[in-house]
Amino acid sequence: MAPTPEARGPWGTCRFCGVAVPSGAERCVECGADHPLSEAEIRAAPKRLRWRVRFTGALRTIIVVGVVGGLAYATLAAVLQGPPVLTGDPLTTAAGYRVGPGNFTEVSGEITGGDYVVGNYSSFDPVGTDIVFDVYNSSEWVSFAAGGSPNPVYSASPAYSGRIVYSAPVTDNYYFVFANPYPVTSHLTIGIYVATEYESNVGDDGLA
């Protein structure tokens, strides 16, 4: 039967990082520093080395306790709050995207006929780089996603920035597509910022 840690002798302490080192080890298992110190060697060591070893060990303990406490708090908070509640409309959003050459990103959602979406978009990396902006309804989106030749319900000329004002003629899912028009060989990834807001065409009195 293998001897217990107590039978092998007391553990040492790394002179560099302060971690506990198994008895008989010639190097620290964490940082690789040689000649771990025994408790007797720590007591007999110069004051500066003794202080550093004690301080490093205490610091490691504080970090571990802090991490454990933070994880416990996060877990408890998640349990008390319950599952996240999604609010708002998917077409009310603001975010930055990185789009590779020849690729696109999209913001989509249902728009009730007569309602509209407003907002803006711009390239921020590299600044001033052109973006292609198109809007597709659900049927044309299927063709677009399949690599066909769709007809967008709205299209803007390539530009580094632009406003979004789109009123849906009928209720449908609409896809606001922001594309990087440069070829794959350009290796040009564009940072694009998009902000959209869904606006209802129904007045405060409940009448259109």
Protein backbone atom coordinates (compact mmCIF):
# COMPACT_ATOMS: atom_id res chain seq x y z
CA MET A 1 0.00 0.00 0.00
CA ALA A 2 1.33 3.45 -0.91
CA PRO A 3 2.42 5.58 2.06
CA THR A 4 0.15 8.43 3.10
CA PRO A 5 1.35 12.05 2.62
CA GLU A 6 2.09 12.18 6.36
CA ALA A 7 4.31 9.09 6.06
CA ARG A 8 6.27 10.64 3.21
CA GLY A 9 7.05 13.70 5.28
CA PRO A 10 5.77 17.28 5.52
CA TRP A 11 5.13 19.25 2.37
CA GLY A 12 7.32 22.14 1.38
CA THR A 13 6.61 25.61 -0.02
CA CYS A 14 7.79 27.04 -3.34
CA ARG A 15 10.25 29.87 -2.78
CA PHE A 16 8.89 31.70 -5.86
CA CYS A 17 5.09 31.31 -6.08
CA GLY A 18 4.28 30.12 -2.55
CA VAL A 19 2.34 27.01 -3.59
CA ALA A 20 2.53 23.84 -1.48
CA VAL A 21 4.98 21.27 -2.89
CA PRO A 22 4.82 17.51 -2.15
CA SER A 23 7.47 16.09 0.15
CA GLY A 24 10.59 15.03 -1.70
CA ALA A 25 9.87 17.08 -4.82
CA GLU A 26 12.87 18.96 -6.19
CA ARG A 27 10.84 21.46 -8.19
CA CYS A 28 7.55 23.32 -7.80
CA VAL A 29 4.70 21.57 -9.60
CA GLU A 30 3.22 24.95 -10.59
CA CYS A 31 6.05 27.24 -11.71
CA GLY A 32 9.02 24.85 -11.91
CA ALA A 33 11.21 26.74 -9.43
CA ASP A 34 13.80 24.47 -7.77
CA HIS A 35 14.63 23.82 -4.10
CA PRO A 36 11.22 24.10 -2.36
CA LEU A 37 11.56 25.29 1.24
CA SER A 38 10.65 23.29 4.31
CA GLU A 39 8.96 25.02 7.24
CA ALA A 40 12.26 25.04 9.11
CA GLU A 41 14.04 26.60 6.12
CA ILE A 42 11.36 29.28 5.87
CA ARG A 43 11.85 30.21 9.54
CA ALA A 44 15.63 30.41 9.02
CA ALA A 45 15.45 32.24 5.68
CA PRO A 46 16.32 35.93 5.30
CA LYS A 47 13.50 38.26 6.30
CA ARG A 48 12.82 39.40 2.72
CA LEU A 49 12.47 35.85 1.38
CA ARG A 50 10.39 34.79 4.38
CA TRP A 51 8.03 37.74 3.90
CA ARG A 52 7.65 37.07 0.17
CA VAL A 53 6.79 33.39 0.70
CA ARG A 54 4.23 34.21 3.38
CA PHE A 55 2.73 37.05 1.36
CA THR A 56 2.48 34.99 -1.85
CA GLY A 57 0.78 32.13 -0.04
CA ALA A 58 -1.73 34.49 1.59
CA LEU A 59 -2.41 36.19 -1.74
CA ARG A 60 -3.13 32.84 -3.43
CA THR A 61 -5.57 31.98 -0.63
CA ILE A 62 -7.37 35.31 -1.00
CA ILE A 63 -7.69 34.83 -4.78
CA VAL A 64 -9.09 31.30 -4.40
CA VAL A 65 -11.59 32.42 -1.75
CA GLY A 66 -12.60 35.38 -3.92
CA VAL A 67 -13.18 33.21 -7.00
CA VAL A 68 -15.21 30.66 -5.03
CA GLY A 69 -17.26 33.44 -3.44
CA GLY A 70 -17.89 35.09 -6.82
CA LEU A 71 -19.05 31.81 -8.39
CA ALA A 72 -21.32 31.12 -5.42
CA TYR A 73 -22.84 34.62 -5.68
CA ALA A 74 -23.40 34.30 -9.43
CA THR A 75 -25.03 30.90 -9.02
CA LEU A 76 -27.28 32.09 -6.21
CA ALA A 77 -28.28 35.22 -8.14
CA ALA A 78 -29.19 33.15 -11.20
CA VAL A 79 -31.34 30.83 -9.07
CA LEU A 80 -33.14 33.72 -7.36
CA GLN A 81 -33.76 35.64 -10.58
CA GLY A 82 -35.03 32.65 -12.55
CA PRO A 83 -34.80 32.34 -16.34
CA PRO A 84 -34.11 35.51 -18.34
CA VAL A 85 -37.12 37.37 -19.68
CA LEU A 86 -36.82 38.63 -23.24
CA THR A 87 -38.45 41.99 -23.82
CA GLY A 88 -38.86 44.24 -26.81
CA ASP A 89 -38.95 43.48 -30.50
CA PRO A 90 -36.13 41.69 -32.37
CA LEU A 91 -36.10 44.62 -34.81
CA THR A 92 -35.28 47.04 -32.00
CA THR A 93 -31.59 46.52 -31.48
CA ALA A 94 -28.15 48.10 -31.55
CA ALA A 95 -24.95 46.13 -32.05
CA GLY A 96 -21.63 45.94 -33.81
CA TYR A 97 -20.75 43.11 -36.19
CA ARG A 98 -17.62 41.95 -37.98
CA VAL A 99 -18.41 40.75 -41.49
CA GLY A 100 -15.85 38.91 -43.62
CA PRO A 101 -15.39 39.55 -47.35
CA GLY A 102 -18.29 38.21 -49.38
CA ASN A 103 -20.35 37.56 -46.24
CA PHE A 104 -23.23 39.33 -44.52
CA THR A 105 -25.07 39.80 -41.26
CA GLU A 106 -28.78 40.34 -40.81
CA VAL A 107 -31.38 41.63 -38.36
CA SER A 108 -34.80 40.08 -38.78
CA GLY A 109 -38.29 39.92 -37.35
CA GLU A 110 -41.97 40.24 -38.12
CA ILE A 111 -43.37 43.61 -39.14
CA THR A 112 -47.10 44.24 -39.10
CA GLY A 113 -48.38 45.77 -42.33
CA GLY A 114 -48.20 49.55 -42.04
CA ASP A 115 -45.62 49.50 -39.23
CA TYR A 116 -42.04 50.49 -39.98
CA VAL A 117 -38.44 50.21 -38.90
CA VAL A 118 -36.09 53.17 -38.59
CA GLY A 119 -32.40 53.35 -37.74
CA ASN A 120 -28.96 53.73 -39.21
CA TYR A 121 -25.82 51.80 -40.08
CA SER A 122 -22.16 52.63 -40.66
CA SER A 123 -18.76 51.02 -41.08
CA PHE A 124 -16.32 51.64 -38.23
CA ASP A 125 -13.38 49.39 -39.14
CA PRO A 126 -12.00 50.42 -41.56
CA VAL A 127 -13.87 53.70 -41.29
CA GLY A 128 -15.46 54.77 -44.57
CA THR A 129 -15.69 51.28 -46.09
CA ASP A 130 -18.76 50.71 -48.27
CA ILE A 131 -21.60 48.44 -47.09
CA VAL A 132 -24.41 46.94 -49.15
CA PHE A 133 -27.83 47.21 -47.47
CA ASP A 134 -30.93 45.32 -48.67
CA VAL A 135 -34.27 44.30 -47.18
CA TYR A 136 -35.92 40.97 -48.09
CA ASN A 137 -39.34 39.59 -47.29
CA SER A 138 -39.69 35.95 -46.27
CA SER A 139 -40.03 34.51 -49.78
CA GLU A 140 -37.11 36.48 -51.25
CA TRP A 141 -35.00 35.63 -48.20
CA VAL A 142 -35.33 31.93 -49.01
CA SER A 143 -33.88 32.63 -52.44
CA PHE A 144 -31.12 34.82 -50.99
CA ALA A 145 -30.12 32.22 -48.38
CA ALA A 146 -30.00 29.54 -51.11
CA GLY A 147 -27.64 31.65 -53.24
CA GLY A 148 -30.28 32.49 -55.84
CA SER A 149 -31.14 35.78 -57.48
CA PRO A 150 -33.65 37.40 -55.11
CA ASN A 151 -35.36 40.74 -55.57
CA PRO A 152 -35.02 42.85 -52.43
CA VAL A 153 -38.08 44.83 -51.36
CA TYR A 154 -35.70 47.68 -50.60
CA SER A 155 -32.12 48.30 -51.69
CA ALA A 156 -29.63 51.09 -51.04
CA SER A 157 -26.56 52.04 -53.04
CA PRO A 158 -23.27 50.88 -51.45
CA ALA A 159 -22.15 53.47 -48.90
CA TYR A 160 -20.16 53.65 -45.68
CA SER A 161 -23.26 54.80 -43.77
CA GLY A 162 -26.96 55.31 -44.27
CA ARG A 163 -30.37 55.76 -42.68
CA ILE A 164 -32.97 53.04 -42.37
CA VAL A 165 -36.61 53.95 -42.96
CA TYR A 166 -38.67 50.99 -44.13
CA SER A 167 -42.48 50.67 -43.99
CA ALA A 168 -43.84 47.17 -44.48
CA PRO A 169 -46.71 46.98 -47.01
CA VAL A 170 -47.98 43.67 -45.57
CA THR A 171 -47.40 41.64 -42.43
CA ASP A 172 -44.42 39.34 -42.95
CA ASN A 173 -40.97 38.45 -41.67
CA TYR A 174 -38.42 40.91 -43.01
CA TYR A 175 -34.64 40.58 -43.14
CA PHE A 176 -32.39 43.64 -43.00
CA VAL A 177 -29.16 42.45 -44.60
CA PHE A 178 -25.80 44.23 -44.32
CA ALA A 179 -23.20 42.75 -46.66
CA ASN A 180 -19.48 43.08 -47.21
CA PRO A 181 -19.25 43.53 -51.01
CA TYR A 182 -15.50 42.91 -51.29
CA PRO A 183 -14.22 39.62 -52.74
CA VAL A 184 -12.77 36.90 -50.54
CA THR A 185 -9.32 37.55 -52.05
CA SER A 186 -9.36 41.05 -50.51
CA HIS A 187 -9.21 39.56 -46.98
CA LEU A 188 -11.06 42.68 -45.86
CA THR A 189 -13.26 42.23 -42.80
CA ILE A 190 -15.58 45.16 -42.09
CA GLY A 191 -16.78 46.29 -38.67
CA ILE A 192 -20.42 47.36 -39.06
CA TYR A 193 -22.56 49.13 -36.46
CA VAL A 194 -26.33 48.75 -36.85
CA ALA A 195 -29.11 50.39 -34.82
CA THR A 196 -32.78 49.70 -35.58
CA GLU A 197 -36.06 50.53 -33.89
CA TYR A 198 -39.51 49.08 -34.57
CA GLU A 199 -42.20 51.76 -34.80
CA SER A 200 -45.90 51.02 -34.68
CA ASN A 201 -48.23 52.91 -36.98
CA VAL A 202 -50.95 52.77 -34.34
CA GLY A 203 -51.47 56.03 -32.49
CA ASP A 204 -51.81 56.42 -28.74
CA ASP A 205 -55.61 56.37 -29.09
CA GLY A 206 -55.43 52.85 -30.55
CA LEU A 207 -56.48 53.96 -34.03
CA ALA A 208 -54.28 53.66 -37.10
